[in-house]
Protein backbone atom coordinates (compact mmCIF):
# COMPACT_ATOMS: atom_id res chain seq x y z
CA MET A 1 -97.34 -98.98 72.97
CA SER A 2 -96.17 -98.31 69.24
CA SER A 3 -93.36 -96.55 68.15
CA LEU A 4 -91.62 -95.77 64.56
CA ARG A 5 -89.63 -99.14 64.84
CA PRO A 6 -91.97 -102.42 63.85
CA GLY A 7 -91.86 -104.61 66.42
CA ILE A 8 -90.69 -102.61 68.82
CA ARG A 9 -92.76 -100.88 71.30
CA PHE A 10 -92.75 -98.14 74.78
CA THR A 11 -93.87 -99.23 78.17
CA THR A 12 -95.49 -96.45 79.94
CA THR A 13 -96.18 -95.69 83.61
CA ILE A 14 -99.04 -93.03 83.83
CA THR A 15 -99.85 -91.34 86.91
CA ALA A 16 -103.05 -89.06 86.64
CA PHE A 17 -103.72 -86.27 89.17
CA PRO A 18 -107.84 -84.91 89.17
CA GLU A 19 -107.44 -80.62 87.92
CA ALA A 20 -111.81 -80.67 88.91
CA GLY A 21 -114.73 -82.70 89.74
CA PRO A 22 -115.66 -85.27 89.26
CA SER A 23 -119.47 -83.70 91.04
CA GLY A 24 -122.86 -85.81 90.89
CA ALA A 25 -123.60 -88.77 91.16
CA TYR A 26 -121.29 -91.57 89.37
CA ASP A 27 -119.48 -94.72 89.23
CA PRO A 28 -116.02 -95.00 90.39
CA ASP A 29 -115.00 -97.83 88.61
CA ALA A 30 -116.53 -96.92 85.79
CA LEU A 31 -115.11 -93.57 85.20
CA ALA A 32 -111.69 -94.84 86.04
CA ASP A 33 -111.42 -96.91 83.54
CA GLN A 34 -112.81 -93.84 81.45
CA VAL A 35 -109.45 -92.05 82.51
CA ARG A 36 -107.18 -95.20 82.18
CA LEU A 37 -108.54 -95.51 78.80
CA ALA A 38 -108.59 -91.67 77.77
CA LEU A 39 -104.56 -91.44 78.93
CA ARG A 40 -103.45 -94.58 77.29
CA ALA A 41 -104.75 -93.19 74.52
CA ALA A 42 -103.49 -90.19 74.75
CA ALA A 43 -99.75 -91.45 75.54
CA ALA A 44 -100.19 -94.13 72.34
CA ASP A 45 -100.81 -91.22 70.07
CA ALA A 46 -97.84 -89.34 71.16
CA VAL A 47 -95.63 -92.17 71.11
CA ARG A 48 -96.40 -93.62 67.61
CA HIS A 49 -94.05 -91.54 65.34
CA MET A 50 -91.37 -91.77 68.10
CA ASP A 51 -87.82 -93.33 67.15
CA PRO A 52 -86.96 -95.29 70.14
CA ARG A 53 -83.73 -94.76 69.36
CA ASP A 54 -83.72 -91.52 71.39
CA LEU A 55 -85.30 -92.31 74.06
CA PRO A 56 -85.61 -88.30 75.68
CA ALA A 57 -86.85 -87.27 72.93
CA ALA A 58 -90.20 -89.67 73.44
CA GLN A 59 -90.61 -89.51 76.81
CA ASP A 60 -90.85 -85.72 76.45
CA ALA A 61 -93.11 -86.49 74.07
CA CYS A 62 -95.78 -88.22 75.86
CA ALA A 63 -95.47 -85.48 78.62
CA ARG A 64 -96.09 -82.44 76.87
CA SER A 65 -99.43 -84.15 76.12
CA LEU A 66 -100.40 -86.08 79.07
CA ARG A 67 -99.75 -82.35 81.64
CA ARG A 68 -102.11 -80.85 79.72
CA SER A 69 -105.05 -80.59 81.77
CA ARG A 70 -108.68 -82.50 79.78
CA ARG A 71 -112.23 -83.39 80.58
CA ILE A 72 -113.07 -86.97 81.01
CA ASP A 73 -116.63 -86.89 80.28
CA THR A 74 -119.67 -84.18 80.54
CA GLU A 75 -121.32 -86.10 83.04
CA SER A 76 -119.08 -86.62 85.80
CA GLY A 77 -116.86 -83.37 84.73
CA LEU A 78 -114.21 -84.77 86.00
CA GLU A 79 -110.87 -82.95 84.44
CA VAL A 80 -107.09 -84.93 85.48
CA ARG A 81 -103.65 -84.10 83.60
CA ALA A 82 -100.80 -87.47 84.28
CA GLU A 83 -96.99 -87.89 84.30
CA CYS A 84 -95.93 -90.39 82.75
CA ARG A 85 -92.44 -91.91 82.73
CA LEU A 86 -91.17 -94.13 79.02
CA THR A 87 -89.29 -96.81 79.03
CA LEU A 88 -88.24 -99.91 77.04
CA ALA A 89 -88.91 -103.74 78.02
CA SER A 90 -85.54 -105.44 78.23
CA ASP A 91 -86.23 -107.06 74.77
CA ASP A 92 -86.96 -103.81 72.95
CA ASP A 93 -83.72 -101.71 74.45
CA GLU A 94 -81.55 -104.93 73.02
CA ALA A 95 -82.98 -104.59 69.44
CA VAL A 96 -82.95 -100.45 69.33
CA ARG A 97 -78.64 -101.51 70.40
CA ALA A 98 -77.97 -103.11 67.20
CA LEU A 99 -80.49 -100.88 65.84
CA LEU A 100 -77.76 -97.83 67.00
CA GLU A 101 -74.70 -99.97 66.00
CA ALA A 102 -75.72 -101.47 62.92
CA SER A 103 -76.63 -97.48 62.21
CA ARG A 104 -73.08 -96.69 64.26
CA LYS A 105 -71.53 -98.82 61.42
CA GLN A 106 -72.32 -98.09 58.52
CA GLY A 107 -71.90 -94.76 58.60
CA ILE A 108 -68.29 -95.05 59.49
CA GLN A 109 -67.98 -97.80 56.29
CA GLU A 110 -70.05 -94.58 54.54
CA ALA A 111 -67.51 -91.81 55.89
CA LEU A 112 -64.60 -94.23 54.74
CA THR A 113 -66.48 -95.31 51.54
CA ARG A 114 -66.42 -91.60 50.62
CA GLN A 115 -62.84 -90.41 51.64
CA ARG A 116 -61.37 -93.53 49.50
CA ASN A 117 -62.99 -91.55 46.99
CA ARG A 118 -62.07 -88.05 47.16
CA ALA A 119 -58.65 -89.68 48.31
CA LEU A 120 -58.76 -91.27 45.05
CA VAL A 121 -60.28 -88.21 42.90
CA ARG A 122 -57.73 -86.30 43.86
CA GLU A 123 -55.16 -88.90 42.85
CA LEU A 124 -56.58 -89.14 39.05
CA ALA A 125 -57.33 -85.53 38.62
CA HIS A 126 -53.60 -85.65 37.17
CA PRO A 127 -53.15 -87.42 33.97
CA ALA A 128 -49.44 -88.98 35.48
CA GLY A 129 -51.68 -90.10 38.55
CA VAL A 130 -53.91 -92.18 35.49
CA PHE A 131 -51.23 -93.92 34.19
CA ALA A 132 -50.50 -94.81 37.72
CA TRP A 133 -53.67 -96.01 38.34
CA TRP A 134 -54.01 -97.53 35.42
CA LEU A 135 -50.46 -99.89 35.65
CA GLN A 136 -51.55 -100.62 38.41
CA GLN A 137 -54.65 -102.80 37.29
CA ALA A 138 -52.41 -103.99 34.06
CA ALA A 139 -49.91 -105.67 36.53
CA GLN A 140 -53.16 -107.74 37.48
CA PRO A 141 -52.57 -111.67 35.74
CA ALA A 142 -57.12 -111.38 35.50
CA ALA A 143 -56.81 -107.92 33.86
CA GLY A 144 -56.12 -108.62 30.05
CA LEU A 145 -54.59 -104.66 29.73
CA LYS A 146 -51.66 -104.58 27.07
CA ASP A 147 -52.51 -101.40 25.43
CA PRO A 148 -51.54 -98.05 27.95
CA PRO A 149 -54.23 -94.86 26.91
CA SER A 150 -52.27 -92.53 24.96
CA ASP A 151 -51.64 -88.96 26.16
CA GLU A 152 -54.79 -87.83 25.25
CA VAL A 153 -56.66 -90.42 26.42
CA LEU A 154 -54.96 -89.63 30.59
CA ARG A 155 -55.93 -85.82 29.79
CA GLN A 156 -59.50 -86.48 29.45
CA ILE A 157 -60.14 -88.37 32.46
CA ALA A 158 -58.00 -86.47 34.37
CA ASP A 159 -60.10 -83.35 33.49
CA ARG A 160 -63.21 -85.14 33.83
CA LEU A 161 -62.21 -85.79 37.27
CA ARG A 162 -60.59 -82.16 38.24
CA ASN A 163 -63.83 -80.72 37.32
CA TYR A 164 -66.07 -83.78 39.33
CA PRO A 165 -67.86 -81.76 42.37
CA LEU A 166 -66.57 -83.08 45.97
CA ASP A 167 -69.23 -82.65 48.44
CA ASP A 168 -67.70 -79.93 51.00
CA GLU A 169 -69.84 -80.05 53.79
CA GLU A 170 -68.76 -84.21 55.56
CA PRO A 171 -71.33 -85.03 57.88
CA PHE A 172 -70.31 -84.04 61.68
CA GLU A 173 -69.50 -87.55 62.31
CA ALA A 174 -67.54 -87.92 59.82
CA GLN A 175 -65.42 -85.37 60.19
CA LEU A 176 -64.46 -86.01 63.57
CA LEU A 177 -63.42 -89.58 62.15
CA GLU A 178 -61.14 -87.85 59.87
CA VAL A 179 -59.25 -86.21 63.16
CA LEU A 180 -59.97 -88.09 65.70
CA ARG A 181 -58.04 -90.64 63.31
CA ASP A 182 -55.19 -88.24 62.20
CA PHE A 183 -54.22 -87.27 66.55
CA LEU A 184 -53.76 -91.04 66.82
CA THR A 185 -51.75 -91.35 64.11
CA THR A 186 -49.37 -89.11 65.66
CA PHE A 187 -48.45 -90.88 68.49
CA SER A 188 -46.16 -94.14 67.72
CA ARG A 189 -45.78 -94.85 72.46
CA ASN A 190 -48.44 -97.70 73.05
CA GLU A 191 -48.83 -96.14 76.40
CA GLN A 192 -50.08 -92.65 74.50
CA LYS A 193 -52.68 -94.15 73.06
CA ARG A 194 -53.86 -96.16 75.99
CA MET A 195 -53.44 -92.42 78.03
CA LEU A 196 -55.30 -91.36 75.25
CA LEU A 197 -58.60 -94.04 74.66
CA SER A 198 -58.81 -93.91 78.48
CA LEU A 199 -59.65 -90.02 79.43
CA LEU A 200 -61.68 -91.12 75.77
CA ALA A 201 -63.42 -93.60 78.07
CA ASP A 202 -63.60 -92.01 81.30
CA GLY A 203 -65.78 -89.09 78.95
CA MET A 204 -67.82 -91.64 77.74
CA ARG A 205 -68.60 -92.81 81.38
CA ALA A 206 -68.87 -89.34 82.69
CA ALA A 207 -71.72 -89.52 79.80
CA ARG A 208 -73.76 -92.01 81.64
CA GLN A 209 -72.64 -93.74 78.03
CA PRO A 210 -70.84 -97.23 79.33
CA GLU A 211 -71.29 -99.29 76.58
CA HIS A 212 -69.34 -97.33 74.79
CA ALA A 213 -66.99 -96.98 77.24
CA VAL A 214 -65.87 -100.74 77.30
CA ALA A 215 -66.26 -100.84 73.74
CA ILE A 216 -63.05 -98.72 73.71
CA GLU A 217 -61.75 -100.13 76.15
CA VAL A 218 -62.08 -103.77 74.35
CA ILE A 219 -60.37 -102.44 71.02
CA ALA A 220 -58.07 -101.10 73.43
CA ALA A 221 -57.16 -104.47 74.64
CA ARG A 222 -57.20 -106.23 70.62
CA ASN A 223 -54.63 -103.74 69.64
CA GLY A 224 -52.70 -103.39 71.99
CA THR A 225 -53.15 -100.47 73.87
CA GLY A 226 -54.85 -101.44 76.72
CA SER A 227 -54.27 -101.52 80.77
CA ARG A 228 -51.79 -103.26 81.35
CA GLY A 229 -52.19 -103.16 84.94
CA PRO A 230 -50.80 -102.07 87.92
CA GLY A 231 -46.54 -100.53 87.45
CA SER A 232 -47.57 -100.60 84.00
CA PRO A 233 -46.10 -97.29 82.13
């Protein structure tokens, strides 16, 4: 069944339960076909605009649609309700993981860019900061800067940056990223950082996110803070 993301489809197992009927003469095979078509259509409509990155929400939407009793036709009087189990095929699951990873990297990059911009604005909100920045640029051979700006120009630039409105409502992820970075920098010894990262990985596994736990351990090993095996401090 189609999802919000083109090319990524849900797979659903639907179990139907009769609520009323059927009554009178009817063709069992034809009626079974009608049940399948009706429930498939209801499930497909329920998840058509759901994001496969949030599988639990899509499962809930599909379950809500199918659990209400619905009449299949007027002739037989059959009414059914159904339960469903929504999943992603392996290829679709890999595509969702790629989407999540790309979204996560983009979010981190955007957060870091905002932090750098805010820091630069704060630094240049004083004429001396503007002049220091100009000296750094002038030191580059390709810059070709010779005449420094006047005091009046420096003040004008600093005043404009000082009055520039900054976004104080940072996304939760950006705020958390800043806190975690500051927190880790307070520990100078690798064994301390290793213990903290191990606790973080254990928490991710407890939250049923083993892929994230493995990613933390890979980062730790890559940066020299990974586990040193038995007997390590």
